[in-house]
Amino acid sequence: MIPDPETALSLAYPIGLGIAALGAGLGIGKGMASAMEAMGRQPEAIGKIQTAMIIGAAFIEALAIYALISVFLIG
């Protein structure tokens, strides 16, 4: 039995949002771990590393927020 499109969306969006949140969490975790390791190896470059880390985290969070907003716009 094939579900109607509205039912398919109501099942697919929570799964997609969960995958987006998982991906964002893994991406931020990997980025922060790499930045902390780089700061430990080169303490004189902490300012540059921290700036790049914050910009990267903002981009990753923006993707997760786009996924969340799409649920409200479509659903």
N, C-alpha and C. Protein backbone atom coordinates (compact mmCIF):
# COMPACT_ATOMS: atom_id res chain seq x y z
N MET A 1 0.84 -1.19 0.00
CA MET A 1 0.00 0.00 0.00
C MET A 1 0.88 1.24 0.00
N ILE A 2 0.64 2.14 -0.90
CA ILE A 2 1.41 3.37 -1.02
C ILE A 2 0.68 4.47 -0.23
N PRO A 3 1.41 5.11 0.73
CA PRO A 3 0.75 6.17 1.50
C PRO A 3 0.58 7.44 0.65
N ASP A 4 -0.36 8.26 1.06
CA ASP A 4 -0.54 9.53 0.35
C ASP A 4 0.65 10.45 0.64
N PRO A 5 0.87 11.47 -0.18
CA PRO A 5 2.06 12.33 -0.01
C PRO A 5 2.13 13.02 1.35
N GLU A 6 1.00 13.40 1.91
CA GLU A 6 1.02 14.08 3.20
C GLU A 6 1.52 13.14 4.30
N THR A 7 1.10 11.90 4.27
CA THR A 7 1.57 10.92 5.25
C THR A 7 3.05 10.64 5.06
N ALA A 8 3.48 10.54 3.82
CA ALA A 8 4.89 10.30 3.53
C ALA A 8 5.75 11.45 4.06
N LEU A 9 5.29 12.69 3.87
CA LEU A 9 6.04 13.83 4.39
C LEU A 9 6.06 13.84 5.91
N SER A 10 4.95 13.48 6.52
CA SER A 10 4.90 13.51 7.98
C SER A 10 5.80 12.44 8.59
N LEU A 11 6.12 11.42 7.83
CA LEU A 11 7.06 10.40 8.31
C LEU A 11 8.50 10.72 7.93
N ALA A 12 8.70 11.33 6.78
CA ALA A 12 10.05 11.58 6.28
C ALA A 12 10.72 12.78 6.95
N TYR A 13 9.95 13.81 7.26
CA TYR A 13 10.57 15.01 7.82
C TYR A 13 11.22 14.78 9.18
N PRO A 14 10.58 14.09 10.12
CA PRO A 14 11.29 13.85 11.39
C PRO A 14 12.56 13.03 11.21
N ILE A 15 12.52 12.08 10.29
CA ILE A 15 13.72 11.28 10.05
C ILE A 15 14.82 12.16 9.44
N GLY A 16 14.46 12.97 8.46
CA GLY A 16 15.43 13.87 7.84
C GLY A 16 15.99 14.90 8.81
N LEU A 17 15.12 15.42 9.69
CA LEU A 17 15.58 16.39 10.68
C LEU A 17 16.53 15.73 11.67
N GLY A 18 16.23 14.51 12.05
CA GLY A 18 17.13 13.78 12.94
C GLY A 18 18.49 13.53 12.31
N ILE A 19 18.48 13.18 11.04
CA ILE A 19 19.75 12.96 10.33
C ILE A 19 20.53 14.27 10.22
N ALA A 20 19.83 15.38 9.96
CA ALA A 20 20.49 16.68 9.87
C ALA A 20 21.09 17.08 11.21
N ALA A 21 20.35 16.84 12.31
CA ALA A 21 20.86 17.17 13.64
C ALA A 21 22.06 16.29 13.99
N LEU A 22 21.99 15.02 13.63
CA LEU A 22 23.10 14.11 13.89
C LEU A 22 24.34 14.55 13.11
N GLY A 23 24.14 14.89 11.84
CA GLY A 23 25.26 15.35 11.02
C GLY A 23 25.87 16.64 11.54
N ALA A 24 25.02 17.57 11.97
CA ALA A 24 25.54 18.83 12.52
C ALA A 24 26.31 18.58 13.81
N GLY A 25 25.79 17.71 14.65
CA GLY A 25 26.49 17.40 15.90
C GLY A 25 27.84 16.75 15.65
N LEU A 26 27.87 15.81 14.73
CA LEU A 26 29.15 15.16 14.40
C LEU A 26 30.13 16.14 13.77
N GLY A 27 29.62 17.01 12.89
CA GLY A 27 30.48 18.00 12.24
C GLY A 27 31.08 18.99 13.23
N ILE A 28 30.25 19.49 14.13
CA ILE A 28 30.75 20.44 15.13
C ILE A 28 31.72 19.75 16.07
N GLY A 29 31.41 18.53 16.47
CA GLY A 29 32.32 17.79 17.35
C GLY A 29 33.67 17.57 16.71
N LYS A 30 33.68 17.17 15.45
CA LYS A 30 34.94 16.95 14.74
C LYS A 30 35.71 18.26 14.57
N GLY A 31 34.99 19.32 14.23
CA GLY A 31 35.65 20.61 14.06
C GLY A 31 36.25 21.14 15.36
N MET A 32 35.50 21.02 16.44
CA MET A 32 36.01 21.49 17.74
C MET A 32 37.20 20.67 18.19
N ALA A 33 37.13 19.35 18.00
CA ALA A 33 38.25 18.49 18.39
C ALA A 33 39.51 18.85 17.61
N SER A 34 39.35 19.07 16.31
CA SER A 34 40.51 19.43 15.49
C SER A 34 41.06 20.80 15.88
N ALA A 35 40.17 21.73 16.19
CA ALA A 35 40.62 23.07 16.59
C ALA A 35 41.35 23.02 17.93
N MET A 36 40.83 22.25 18.87
CA MET A 36 41.50 22.15 20.17
C MET A 36 42.88 21.50 20.03
N GLU A 37 42.98 20.50 19.17
CA GLU A 37 44.27 19.87 18.93
C GLU A 37 45.24 20.85 18.28
N ALA A 38 44.75 21.64 17.32
CA ALA A 38 45.61 22.62 16.65
C ALA A 38 46.06 23.71 17.64
N MET A 39 45.14 24.13 18.52
CA MET A 39 45.52 25.14 19.52
C MET A 39 46.57 24.60 20.48
N GLY A 40 46.48 23.32 20.82
CA GLY A 40 47.47 22.72 21.70
C GLY A 40 48.83 22.61 21.03
N ARG A 41 48.83 22.38 19.74
CA ARG A 41 50.09 22.23 19.01
C ARG A 41 50.75 23.58 18.70
N GLN A 42 49.91 24.60 18.43
CA GLN A 42 50.45 25.92 18.10
C GLN A 42 49.75 27.00 18.92
N PRO A 43 50.16 27.18 20.15
CA PRO A 43 49.49 28.17 21.01
C PRO A 43 49.58 29.60 20.48
N GLU A 44 50.59 29.91 19.67
CA GLU A 44 50.72 31.27 19.16
C GLU A 44 49.67 31.58 18.09
N ALA A 45 49.02 30.58 17.54
CA ALA A 45 48.02 30.79 16.49
C ALA A 45 46.59 30.62 16.99
N ILE A 46 46.40 30.71 18.31
CA ILE A 46 45.07 30.47 18.89
C ILE A 46 44.04 31.43 18.31
N GLY A 47 44.36 32.68 18.13
CA GLY A 47 43.40 33.67 17.62
C GLY A 47 42.87 33.32 16.24
N LYS A 48 43.78 32.96 15.34
CA LYS A 48 43.37 32.60 13.97
C LYS A 48 42.57 31.30 13.95
N ILE A 49 43.02 30.32 14.73
CA ILE A 49 42.32 29.03 14.77
C ILE A 49 40.93 29.20 15.35
N GLN A 50 40.84 29.98 16.42
CA GLN A 50 39.54 30.18 17.07
C GLN A 50 38.56 30.90 16.15
N THR A 51 39.04 31.88 15.42
CA THR A 51 38.17 32.59 14.48
C THR A 51 37.64 31.65 13.40
N ALA A 52 38.52 30.85 12.82
CA ALA A 52 38.10 29.89 11.80
C ALA A 52 37.15 28.85 12.38
N MET A 53 37.40 28.45 13.63
CA MET A 53 36.53 27.46 14.27
C MET A 53 35.13 28.01 14.48
N ILE A 54 35.02 29.24 14.90
CA ILE A 54 33.71 29.85 15.15
C ILE A 54 32.95 30.04 13.84
N ILE A 55 33.63 30.47 12.79
CA ILE A 55 32.98 30.63 11.50
C ILE A 55 32.49 29.28 10.97
N GLY A 56 33.32 28.25 11.09
CA GLY A 56 32.92 26.92 10.65
C GLY A 56 31.73 26.39 11.44
N ALA A 57 31.74 26.59 12.75
CA ALA A 57 30.62 26.15 13.58
C ALA A 57 29.34 26.88 13.22
N ALA A 58 29.45 28.16 12.88
CA ALA A 58 28.27 28.93 12.49
C ALA A 58 27.68 28.39 11.19
N PHE A 59 28.53 28.03 10.23
CA PHE A 59 28.03 27.46 8.97
C PHE A 59 27.35 26.12 9.21
N ILE A 60 27.93 25.29 10.05
CA ILE A 60 27.33 23.98 10.33
C ILE A 60 25.99 24.15 11.04
N GLU A 61 25.92 25.06 12.01
CA GLU A 61 24.67 25.30 12.71
C GLU A 61 23.62 25.88 11.77
N ALA A 62 24.04 26.71 10.82
CA ALA A 62 23.09 27.28 9.86
C ALA A 62 22.44 26.18 9.04
N LEU A 63 23.20 25.17 8.66
CA LEU A 63 22.61 24.06 7.91
C LEU A 63 21.57 23.32 8.74
N ALA A 64 21.85 23.11 10.02
CA ALA A 64 20.88 22.44 10.89
C ALA A 64 19.63 23.31 11.07
N ILE A 65 19.81 24.59 11.18
CA ILE A 65 18.66 25.49 11.34
C ILE A 65 17.83 25.53 10.05
N TYR A 66 18.48 25.48 8.88
CA TYR A 66 17.74 25.42 7.62
C TYR A 66 16.88 24.17 7.57
N ALA A 67 17.41 23.06 8.05
CA ALA A 67 16.62 21.82 8.07
C ALA A 67 15.42 21.96 8.98
N LEU A 68 15.60 22.60 10.13
CA LEU A 68 14.49 22.79 11.06
C LEU A 68 13.45 23.74 10.48
N ILE A 69 13.88 24.81 9.87
CA ILE A 69 12.94 25.79 9.30
C ILE A 69 12.16 25.17 8.15
N SER A 70 12.79 24.30 7.37
CA SER A 70 12.07 23.67 6.25
C SER A 70 10.89 22.84 6.74
N VAL A 71 11.01 22.27 7.92
CA VAL A 71 9.89 21.51 8.48
C VAL A 71 8.70 22.44 8.73
N PHE A 72 8.95 23.63 9.24
CA PHE A 72 7.88 24.54 9.53
C PHE A 72 7.28 25.15 8.25
N LEU A 73 8.12 25.35 7.24
CA LEU A 73 7.63 25.94 5.99
C LEU A 73 6.81 24.95 5.17
N ILE A 74 7.25 23.72 5.10
CA ILE A 74 6.57 22.72 4.29
C ILE A 74 5.40 22.09 5.06
N GLY A 75 5.65 21.79 6.32
CA GLY A 75 4.65 21.05 7.12
C GLY A 75 3.55 21.85 7.61
